[in-house]
Amino acid sequence: MPSLQALVRRPGPRIAEGLVTHVERRPVDPALALDQWERYVRTLQDHGWHTTEVAPADDCPDAVFIEDTMVVFRNVALIARPGAEVRRAETPAARRAAEALGCSLNEVRAPGTLDGGDILKIGDTVYVGRGGRTNAEGVRQLRAAFEPLGARVVAVPISRVLHLKSAVTALPDGTVIGHPALVEDPALFPAFRPVPEESGAHVVLLGGDALLMASSAPRTAELFAGLGYRPVLVDIGEFEKLEGCVTCLSVRLRALTA
């Protein structure tokens, strides 16, 4: 089995109805969103990722944001229980896809809520955003699932963004990056580097020095290039209208064993 696996789900016909929380609603073009999604998936494939397309959930406008359906640590997929009740129908097909790839399964149970977009993993440290779609019981169940596997779970308060990874992600060396206006307490992270654009706070580590980034953050891409990284830019403008970013359009699974 390829060592770099990614779950993806194509945008459905109701994507323009997706939830918005911290931004004003703007019109979304479903055809353009599909084109942007296809380019995003091709970019993953071009960098050595094997992509598995999860079955559609066309009645769920936000289903394309598949990262929210689970958290994977080592070979265990913790199936989420989304904080927005209307999104809970997104998880069954994602669960089946993770199981088919060889993941052991666990799940968040009521009254816990947890969205995958609230999780930032750096090595064995698992940061979890608390205050939006993920509640205290969801954090407790995350700890119960992953601490026996060697994870160190750190809760991070959030109130300015939808998910933790709406505010911060991390570079390959573990440095956390974020736009200062969105990060409530940078001191929670051992190393923090501010970026000049909100959308510059989001990177997917493609492997080596390659960073998948939104094309809406050219100044941040220039900053990262100056640090010796290779930004790979994709246009995800239609998803940004729905508070989406490059991380939430896939679930990345590294080094799974068959």
C-alpha atoms as a PDB file:
ATOM      1  CA  MET A   1       0.000   0.000   0.000  1.00  0.00           C
ATOM      2  CA  PRO A   2       1.385   3.487  -0.811  1.00  0.00           C
ATOM      3  CA  SER A   3       2.769   5.214   2.297  1.00  0.00           C
ATOM      4  CA  LEU A   4       1.039   8.538   1.570  1.00  0.00           C
ATOM      5  CA  GLN A   5      -2.735   8.197   1.541  1.00  0.00           C
ATOM      6  CA  ALA A   6      -5.352  10.943   1.377  1.00  0.00           C
ATOM      7  CA  LEU A   7      -9.117  10.759   1.634  1.00  0.00           C
ATOM      8  CA  VAL A   8     -11.008  13.330  -0.437  1.00  0.00           C
ATOM      9  CA  ARG A   9     -14.652  13.960  -1.274  1.00  0.00           C
ATOM     10  CA  ARG A  10     -15.840  15.952  -4.262  1.00  0.00           C
ATOM     11  CA  PRO A  11     -18.044  18.998  -3.640  1.00  0.00           C
ATOM     12  CA  GLY A  12     -21.749  18.303  -3.933  1.00  0.00           C
ATOM     13  CA  PRO A  13     -24.481  20.244  -5.711  1.00  0.00           C
ATOM     14  CA  ARG A  14     -25.508  22.091  -2.523  1.00  0.00           C
ATOM     15  CA  ILE A  15     -22.066  23.426  -1.642  1.00  0.00           C
ATOM     16  CA  ALA A  16     -23.255  27.035  -1.911  1.00  0.00           C
ATOM     17  CA  GLU A  17     -25.459  26.348   1.148  1.00  0.00           C
ATOM     18  CA  GLY A  18     -22.463  25.493   3.323  1.00  0.00           C
ATOM     19  CA  LEU A  19     -22.280  26.838   6.863  1.00  0.00           C
ATOM     20  CA  VAL A  20     -20.512  30.121   7.614  1.00  0.00           C
ATOM     21  CA  THR A  21     -19.747  31.306  11.126  1.00  0.00           C
ATOM     22  CA  HIS A  22     -17.082  34.030  11.205  1.00  0.00           C
ATOM     23  CA  VAL A  23     -17.439  35.466   7.688  1.00  0.00           C
ATOM     24  CA  GLU A  24     -20.218  37.058   5.682  1.00  0.00           C
ATOM     25  CA  ARG A  25     -21.922  34.783   3.179  1.00  0.00           C
ATOM     26  CA  ARG A  26     -20.843  35.262  -0.426  1.00  0.00           C
ATOM     27  CA  PRO A  27     -22.101  33.474  -3.557  1.00  0.00           C
ATOM     28  CA  VAL A  28     -20.281  30.225  -4.329  1.00  0.00           C
ATOM     29  CA  ASP A  29     -19.974  28.896  -7.883  1.00  0.00           C
ATOM     30  CA  PRO A  30     -20.399  25.080  -7.712  1.00  0.00           C
ATOM     31  CA  ALA A  31     -18.803  24.504 -11.124  1.00  0.00           C
ATOM     32  CA  LEU A  32     -15.748  26.578 -10.239  1.00  0.00           C
ATOM     33  CA  ALA A  33     -15.544  24.854  -6.854  1.00  0.00           C
ATOM     34  CA  LEU A  34     -15.442  21.470  -8.587  1.00  0.00           C
ATOM     35  CA  ASP A  35     -12.674  22.661 -10.920  1.00  0.00           C
ATOM     36  CA  GLN A  36     -10.653  23.981  -7.972  1.00  0.00           C
ATOM     37  CA  TRP A  37     -11.169  20.730  -6.078  1.00  0.00           C
ATOM     38  CA  GLU A  38      -9.999  18.652  -9.030  1.00  0.00           C
ATOM     39  CA  ARG A  39      -6.829  20.758  -9.298  1.00  0.00           C
ATOM     40  CA  TYR A  40      -6.241  20.366  -5.564  1.00  0.00           C
ATOM     41  CA  VAL A  41      -6.536  16.563  -5.831  1.00  0.00           C
ATOM     42  CA  ARG A  42      -4.207  16.463  -8.835  1.00  0.00           C
ATOM     43  CA  THR A  43      -1.655  18.450  -6.864  1.00  0.00           C
ATOM     44  CA  LEU A  44      -1.689  15.865  -4.093  1.00  0.00           C
ATOM     45  CA  GLN A  45      -1.299  13.088  -6.663  1.00  0.00           C
ATOM     46  CA  ASP A  46       1.538  14.900  -8.423  1.00  0.00           C
ATOM     47  CA  HIS A  47       3.441  14.913  -5.123  1.00  0.00           C
ATOM     48  CA  GLY A  48       3.159  11.191  -4.476  1.00  0.00           C
ATOM     49  CA  TRP A  49      -0.125  10.958  -2.609  1.00  0.00           C
ATOM     50  CA  HIS A  50      -2.569   8.164  -3.392  1.00  0.00           C
ATOM     51  CA  THR A  51      -6.060   9.627  -3.152  1.00  0.00           C
ATOM     52  CA  THR A  52      -9.215   7.719  -2.234  1.00  0.00           C
ATOM     53  CA  GLU A  53     -12.479   9.418  -3.112  1.00  0.00           C
ATOM     54  CA  VAL A  54     -15.029   8.921  -0.352  1.00  0.00           C
ATOM     55  CA  ALA A  55     -18.616   8.316  -1.448  1.00  0.00           C
ATOM     56  CA  PRO A  56     -20.583  11.540  -1.994  1.00  0.00           C
ATOM     57  CA  ALA A  57     -22.870  13.019   0.637  1.00  0.00           C
ATOM     58  CA  ASP A  58     -24.820  15.283  -1.670  1.00  0.00           C
ATOM     59  CA  ASP A  59     -27.393  16.248   0.958  1.00  0.00           C
ATOM     60  CA  CYS A  60     -24.581  17.669   3.121  1.00  0.00           C
ATOM     61  CA  PRO A  61     -23.377  21.002   1.722  1.00  0.00           C
ATOM     62  CA  ASP A  62     -20.121  20.942   3.742  1.00  0.00           C
ATOM     63  CA  ALA A  63     -19.167  17.335   2.969  1.00  0.00           C
ATOM     64  CA  VAL A  64     -16.215  18.380   0.783  1.00  0.00           C
ATOM     65  CA  PHE A  65     -14.471  19.479   4.008  1.00  0.00           C
ATOM     66  CA  ILE A  66     -13.699  15.877   4.793  1.00  0.00           C
ATOM     67  CA  GLU A  67     -10.960  16.572   7.330  1.00  0.00           C
ATOM     68  CA  ASP A  68     -13.698  17.293   9.862  1.00  0.00           C
ATOM     69  CA  THR A  69     -14.909  13.665   9.799  1.00  0.00           C
ATOM     70  CA  MET A  70     -11.988  12.096  11.678  1.00  0.00           C
ATOM     71  CA  VAL A  71      -8.620  12.389  13.372  1.00  0.00           C
ATOM     72  CA  VAL A  72      -5.914   9.836  12.624  1.00  0.00           C
ATOM     73  CA  PHE A  73      -3.029   9.102  14.993  1.00  0.00           C
ATOM     74  CA  ARG A  74      -0.710   6.244  14.086  1.00  0.00           C
ATOM     75  CA  ASN A  75      -3.115   3.626  12.673  1.00  0.00           C
ATOM     76  CA  VAL A  76      -6.191   4.671  14.648  1.00  0.00           C
ATOM     77  CA  ALA A  77      -8.939   6.769  13.094  1.00  0.00           C
ATOM     78  CA  LEU A  78     -11.080   8.516  15.690  1.00  0.00           C
ATOM     79  CA  ILE A  79     -14.343   9.183  13.881  1.00  0.00           C
ATOM     80  CA  ALA A  80     -15.606  12.642  14.730  1.00  0.00           C
ATOM     81  CA  ARG A  81     -18.968  13.732  16.023  1.00  0.00           C
ATOM     82  CA  PRO A  82     -19.286  17.160  14.355  1.00  0.00           C
ATOM     83  CA  GLY A  83     -20.300  20.090  16.490  1.00  0.00           C
ATOM     84  CA  ALA A  84     -22.829  21.133  13.838  1.00  0.00           C
ATOM     85  CA  GLU A  85     -25.558  18.494  13.968  1.00  0.00           C
ATOM     86  CA  VAL A  86     -26.367  18.905  10.260  1.00  0.00           C
ATOM     87  CA  ARG A  87     -22.870  17.618   9.434  1.00  0.00           C
ATOM     88  CA  ARG A  88     -23.096  14.303  11.276  1.00  0.00           C
ATOM     89  CA  ALA A  89     -24.370  12.445   8.220  1.00  0.00           C
ATOM     90  CA  GLU A  90     -20.959  13.077   6.618  1.00  0.00           C
ATOM     91  CA  THR A  91     -19.122  10.573   8.804  1.00  0.00           C
ATOM     92  CA  PRO A  92     -20.419   7.057   7.897  1.00  0.00           C
ATOM     93  CA  ALA A  93     -18.893   6.896   4.411  1.00  0.00           C
ATOM     94  CA  ALA A  94     -15.651   8.417   5.662  1.00  0.00           C
ATOM     95  CA  ARG A  95     -15.541   5.774   8.390  1.00  0.00           C
ATOM     96  CA  ARG A  96     -15.908   2.999   5.805  1.00  0.00           C
ATOM     97  CA  ALA A  97     -13.117   4.494   3.692  1.00  0.00           C
ATOM     98  CA  ALA A  98     -10.728   4.697   6.654  1.00  0.00           C
ATOM     99  CA  GLU A  99     -11.505   1.102   7.607  1.00  0.00           C
ATOM    100  CA  ALA A 100     -10.859  -0.040   4.029  1.00  0.00           C
ATOM    101  CA  LEU A 101      -7.390   1.542   4.211  1.00  0.00           C
ATOM    102  CA  GLY A 102      -6.573  -0.534   7.286  1.00  0.00           C
ATOM    103  CA  CYS A 103      -7.244   1.940  10.082  1.00  0.00           C
ATOM    104  CA  SER A 104      -8.380   0.726  13.460  1.00  0.00           C
ATOM    105  CA  LEU A 105     -11.518   2.616  14.394  1.00  0.00           C
ATOM    106  CA  ASN A 106     -12.720   4.496  17.423  1.00  0.00           C
ATOM    107  CA  GLU A 107     -15.407   7.149  17.629  1.00  0.00           C
ATOM    108  CA  VAL A 108     -16.498  10.178  19.602  1.00  0.00           C
ATOM    109  CA  ARG A 109     -19.771   9.520  21.408  1.00  0.00           C
ATOM    110  CA  ALA A 110     -22.476  11.837  22.745  1.00  0.00           C
ATOM    111  CA  PRO A 111     -22.378  14.234  24.457  1.00  0.00           C
ATOM    112  CA  GLY A 112     -18.920  14.780  23.029  1.00  0.00           C
ATOM    113  CA  THR A 113     -18.412  16.819  19.869  1.00  0.00           C
ATOM    114  CA  LEU A 114     -15.215  17.055  17.878  1.00  0.00           C
ATOM    115  CA  ASP A 115     -14.355  18.323  14.389  1.00  0.00           C
ATOM    116  CA  GLY A 116     -11.188  17.127  12.691  1.00  0.00           C
ATOM    117  CA  GLY A 117     -10.348  20.694  11.706  1.00  0.00           C
ATOM    118  CA  ASP A 118      -9.758  21.427  15.397  1.00  0.00           C
ATOM    119  CA  ILE A 119      -6.757  19.089  15.504  1.00  0.00           C
ATOM    120  CA  LEU A 120      -3.155  20.043  14.748  1.00  0.00           C
ATOM    121  CA  LYS A 121      -0.607  17.228  15.056  1.00  0.00           C
ATOM    122  CA  ILE A 122       3.090  18.009  15.423  1.00  0.00           C
ATOM    123  CA  GLY A 123       5.020  14.823  16.007  1.00  0.00           C
ATOM    124  CA  ASP A 124       3.374  13.127  18.977  1.00  0.00           C
ATOM    125  CA  THR A 125       1.804  16.347  20.235  1.00  0.00           C
ATOM    126  CA  VAL A 126      -1.873  16.730  19.390  1.00  0.00           C
ATOM    127  CA  TYR A 127      -3.242  20.259  19.793  1.00  0.00           C
ATOM    128  CA  VAL A 128      -7.035  20.449  19.979  1.00  0.00           C
ATOM    129  CA  GLY A 129      -9.078  23.618  19.608  1.00  0.00           C
ATOM    130  CA  ARG A 130     -11.701  24.080  22.314  1.00  0.00           C
ATOM    131  CA  GLY A 131     -14.511  26.598  22.070  1.00  0.00           C
ATOM    132  CA  GLY A 132     -16.088  26.245  18.650  1.00  0.00           C
ATOM    133  CA  ARG A 133     -17.241  22.915  17.231  1.00  0.00           C
ATOM    134  CA  THR A 134     -15.288  20.797  19.742  1.00  0.00           C
ATOM    135  CA  ASN A 135     -16.466  20.635  23.362  1.00  0.00           C
ATOM    136  CA  ALA A 136     -14.779  19.593  26.611  1.00  0.00           C
ATOM    137  CA  GLU A 137     -16.154  16.045  26.419  1.00  0.00           C
ATOM    138  CA  GLY A 138     -14.792  15.725  22.895  1.00  0.00           C
ATOM    139  CA  VAL A 139     -11.364  16.747  24.174  1.00  0.00           C
ATOM    140  CA  ARG A 140     -11.632  14.174  26.974  1.00  0.00           C
ATOM    141  CA  GLN A 141     -12.471  11.395  24.527  1.00  0.00           C
ATOM    142  CA  LEU A 142      -9.611  12.457  22.230  1.00  0.00           C
ATOM    143  CA  ARG A 143      -7.238  12.093  25.169  1.00  0.00           C
ATOM    144  CA  ALA A 144      -8.685   8.715  26.073  1.00  0.00           C
ATOM    145  CA  ALA A 145      -8.242   7.471  22.502  1.00  0.00           C
ATOM    146  CA  PHE A 146      -4.737   8.736  21.757  1.00  0.00           C
ATOM    147  CA  GLU A 147      -2.786   9.173  24.993  1.00  0.00           C
ATOM    148  CA  PRO A 148      -2.447   5.371  25.408  1.00  0.00           C
ATOM    149  CA  LEU A 149      -0.822   5.391  21.956  1.00  0.00           C
ATOM    150  CA  GLY A 150       1.818   7.907  23.048  1.00  0.00           C
ATOM    151  CA  ALA A 151       0.157  11.195  22.148  1.00  0.00           C
ATOM    152  CA  ARG A 152       0.436  14.331  24.264  1.00  0.00           C
ATOM    153  CA  VAL A 153      -2.885  16.177  23.955  1.00  0.00           C
ATOM    154  CA  VAL A 154      -2.880  19.955  24.505  1.00  0.00           C
ATOM    155  CA  ALA A 155      -6.135  21.923  24.527  1.00  0.00           C
ATOM    156  CA  VAL A 156      -6.037  25.374  22.901  1.00  0.00           C
ATOM    157  CA  PRO A 157      -8.815  27.930  23.448  1.00  0.00           C
ATOM    158  CA  ILE A 158     -10.289  29.429  20.279  1.00  0.00           C
ATOM    159  CA  SER A 159     -12.987  32.045  19.740  1.00  0.00           C
ATOM    160  CA  ARG A 160     -11.927  34.066  16.694  1.00  0.00           C
ATOM    161  CA  VAL A 161     -12.056  31.294  14.095  1.00  0.00           C
ATOM    162  CA  LEU A 162     -14.167  28.283  13.166  1.00  0.00           C
ATOM    163  CA  HIS A 163     -11.489  25.654  13.858  1.00  0.00           C
ATOM    164  CA  LEU A 164      -8.012  25.591  15.351  1.00  0.00           C
ATOM    165  CA  LYS A 165      -6.544  25.000  11.889  1.00  0.00           C
ATOM    166  CA  SER A 166      -8.406  28.061  10.637  1.00  0.00           C
ATOM    167  CA  ALA A 167      -5.829  29.942  12.728  1.00  0.00           C
ATOM    168  CA  VAL A 168      -2.653  27.839  12.770  1.00  0.00           C
ATOM    169  CA  THR A 169      -0.837  24.978  11.064  1.00  0.00           C
ATOM    170  CA  ALA A 170       2.839  23.983  11.212  1.00  0.00           C
ATOM    171  CA  LEU A 171       5.929  23.909   9.028  1.00  0.00           C
ATOM    172  CA  PRO A 172       7.949  20.697   8.593  1.00  0.00           C
ATOM    173  CA  ASP A 173      10.333  21.736  11.392  1.00  0.00           C
ATOM    174  CA  GLY A 174       7.418  22.001  13.833  1.00  0.00           C
ATOM    175  CA  THR A 175       7.199  25.792  13.875  1.00  0.00           C
ATOM    176  CA  VAL A 176       3.556  26.828  14.238  1.00  0.00           C
ATOM    177  CA  ILE A 177       2.458  29.518  11.795  1.00  0.00           C
ATOM    178  CA  GLY A 178      -0.507  31.830  12.118  1.00  0.00           C
ATOM    179  CA  HIS A 179      -1.919  35.258  11.369  1.00  0.00           C
ATOM    180  CA  PRO A 180      -1.586  37.225  14.630  1.00  0.00           C
ATOM    181  CA  ALA A 181      -5.156  38.571  14.588  1.00  0.00           C
ATOM    182  CA  LEU A 182      -6.519  35.016  14.686  1.00  0.00           C
ATOM    183  CA  VAL A 183      -4.228  33.462  17.304  1.00  0.00           C
ATOM    184  CA  GLU A 184      -5.297  34.088  20.878  1.00  0.00           C
ATOM    185  CA  ASP A 185      -2.141  32.909  22.662  1.00  0.00           C
ATOM    186  CA  PRO A 186       0.938  32.183  20.525  1.00  0.00           C
ATOM    187  CA  ALA A 187       2.844  31.371  23.726  1.00  0.00           C
ATOM    188  CA  LEU A 188       0.986  28.036  23.877  1.00  0.00           C
ATOM    189  CA  PHE A 189       3.267  26.790  21.110  1.00  0.00           C
ATOM    190  CA  PRO A 190       7.016  26.158  21.627  1.00  0.00           C
ATOM    191  CA  ALA A 191       7.846  27.985  18.391  1.00  0.00           C
ATOM    192  CA  PHE A 192       5.546  30.432  16.591  1.00  0.00           C
ATOM    193  CA  ARG A 193       6.067  32.460  13.407  1.00  0.00           C
ATOM    194  CA  PRO A 194       3.531  35.103  12.346  1.00  0.00           C
ATOM    195  CA  VAL A 195       2.506  35.305   8.698  1.00  0.00           C
ATOM    196  CA  PRO A 196       1.232  38.392   6.866  1.00  0.00           C
ATOM    197  CA  GLU A 197      -2.002  36.944   5.421  1.00  0.00           C
ATOM    198  CA  GLU A 198      -4.870  35.042   7.030  1.00  0.00           C
ATOM    199  CA  SER A 199      -4.839  32.341   4.357  1.00  0.00           C
ATOM    200  CA  GLY A 200      -1.064  32.043   4.768  1.00  0.00           C
ATOM    201  CA  ALA A 201      -1.631  30.315   8.100  1.00  0.00           C
ATOM    202  CA  HIS A 202      -2.620  27.090   6.331  1.00  0.00           C
ATOM    203  CA  VAL A 203      -0.167  24.624   4.798  1.00  0.00           C
ATOM    204  CA  VAL A 204      -0.303  20.947   3.912  1.00  0.00           C
ATOM    205  CA  LEU A 205       3.061  19.193   4.135  1.00  0.00           C
ATOM    206  CA  LEU A 206       3.400  17.458   0.791  1.00  0.00           C
ATOM    207  CA  GLY A 207       6.762  15.884   1.596  1.00  0.00           C
ATOM    208  CA  GLY A 208      10.309  17.174   1.557  1.00  0.00           C
ATOM    209  CA  ASP A 209      10.375  20.953   1.273  1.00  0.00           C
ATOM    210  CA  ALA A 210       7.028  21.246  -0.579  1.00  0.00           C
ATOM    211  CA  LEU A 211       4.169  23.148   1.079  1.00  0.00           C
ATOM    212  CA  LEU A 212       0.670  23.127  -0.401  1.00  0.00           C
ATOM    213  CA  MET A 213      -0.776  26.627   0.065  1.00  0.00           C
ATOM    214  CA  ALA A 214      -3.628  28.810  -1.143  1.00  0.00           C
ATOM    215  CA  SER A 215      -2.765  31.179  -3.966  1.00  0.00           C
ATOM    216  CA  SER A 216      -4.465  33.946  -1.961  1.00  0.00           C
ATOM    217  CA  ALA A 217      -1.335  34.203   0.223  1.00  0.00           C
ATOM    218  CA  PRO A 218       1.481  35.303  -2.108  1.00  0.00           C
ATOM    219  CA  ARG A 219       3.396  37.289   0.517  1.00  0.00           C
ATOM    220  CA  THR A 220       3.416  34.316   2.874  1.00  0.00           C
ATOM    221  CA  ALA A 221       4.557  32.056   0.033  1.00  0.00           C
ATOM    222  CA  GLU A 222       7.453  34.443  -0.568  1.00  0.00           C
ATOM    223  CA  LEU A 223       8.294  34.328   3.139  1.00  0.00           C
ATOM    224  CA  PHE A 224       8.378  30.536   3.141  1.00  0.00           C
ATOM    225  CA  ALA A 225      10.447  30.416  -0.035  1.00  0.00           C
ATOM    226  CA  GLY A 226      12.974  32.624   1.739  1.00  0.00           C
ATOM    227  CA  LEU A 227      13.127  30.042   4.532  1.00  0.00           C
ATOM    228  CA  GLY A 228      14.079  27.341   2.024  1.00  0.00           C
ATOM    229  CA  TYR A 229      10.669  25.777   1.461  1.00  0.00           C
ATOM    230  CA  ARG A 230       8.965  25.246  -1.891  1.00  0.00           C
ATOM    231  CA  PRO A 231       5.427  26.669  -1.899  1.00  0.00           C
ATOM    232  CA  VAL A 232       2.977  24.886  -4.208  1.00  0.00           C
ATOM    233  CA  LEU A 233       0.038  27.251  -4.770  1.00  0.00           C
ATOM    234  CA  VAL A 234      -3.546  26.236  -5.532  1.00  0.00           C
ATOM    235  CA  ASP A 235      -6.615  28.397  -6.015  1.00  0.00           C
ATOM    236  CA  ILE A 236      -9.303  27.403  -3.490  1.00  0.00           C
ATOM    237  CA  GLY A 237     -11.170  30.691  -3.529  1.00  0.00           C
ATOM    238  CA  GLU A 238     -14.651  29.161  -3.622  1.00  0.00           C
ATOM    239  CA  PHE A 239     -13.900  27.119  -0.500  1.00  0.00           C
ATOM    240  CA  GLU A 240     -12.388  30.110   1.291  1.00  0.00           C
ATOM    241  CA  LYS A 241     -15.812  31.754   0.996  1.00  0.00           C
ATOM    242  CA  LEU A 242     -17.045  28.939   3.274  1.00  0.00           C
ATOM    243  CA  GLU A 243     -14.170  29.248   5.782  1.00  0.00           C
ATOM    244  CA  GLY A 244     -12.353  26.387   4.092  1.00  0.00           C
ATOM    245  CA  CYS A 245      -8.599  26.072   3.627  1.00  0.00           C
ATOM    246  CA  VAL A 246      -6.094  23.652   2.088  1.00  0.00           C
ATOM    247  CA  THR A 247      -6.043  21.361   5.113  1.00  0.00           C
ATOM    248  CA  CYS A 248      -9.776  20.685   5.373  1.00  0.00           C
ATOM    249  CA  LEU A 249     -10.181  19.346   1.812  1.00  0.00           C
ATOM    250  CA  SER A 250      -8.413  16.059   2.637  1.00  0.00           C
ATOM    251  CA  VAL A 251      -7.547  13.644   5.410  1.00  0.00           C
ATOM    252  CA  ARG A 252      -3.860  12.815   5.164  1.00  0.00           C
ATOM    253  CA  LEU A 253      -2.766   9.379   6.363  1.00  0.00           C
ATOM    254  CA  ARG A 254       0.962   8.723   6.441  1.00  0.00           C
ATOM    255  CA  ALA A 255       2.729   5.363   6.564  1.00  0.00           C
ATOM    256  CA  LEU A 256      -0.300   3.161   7.146  1.00  0.00           C
ATOM    257  CA  THR A 257       0.481  -0.521   7.102  1.00  0.00           C
ATOM    258  CA  ALA A 258      -1.690  -2.880   5.118  1.00  0.00           C
END
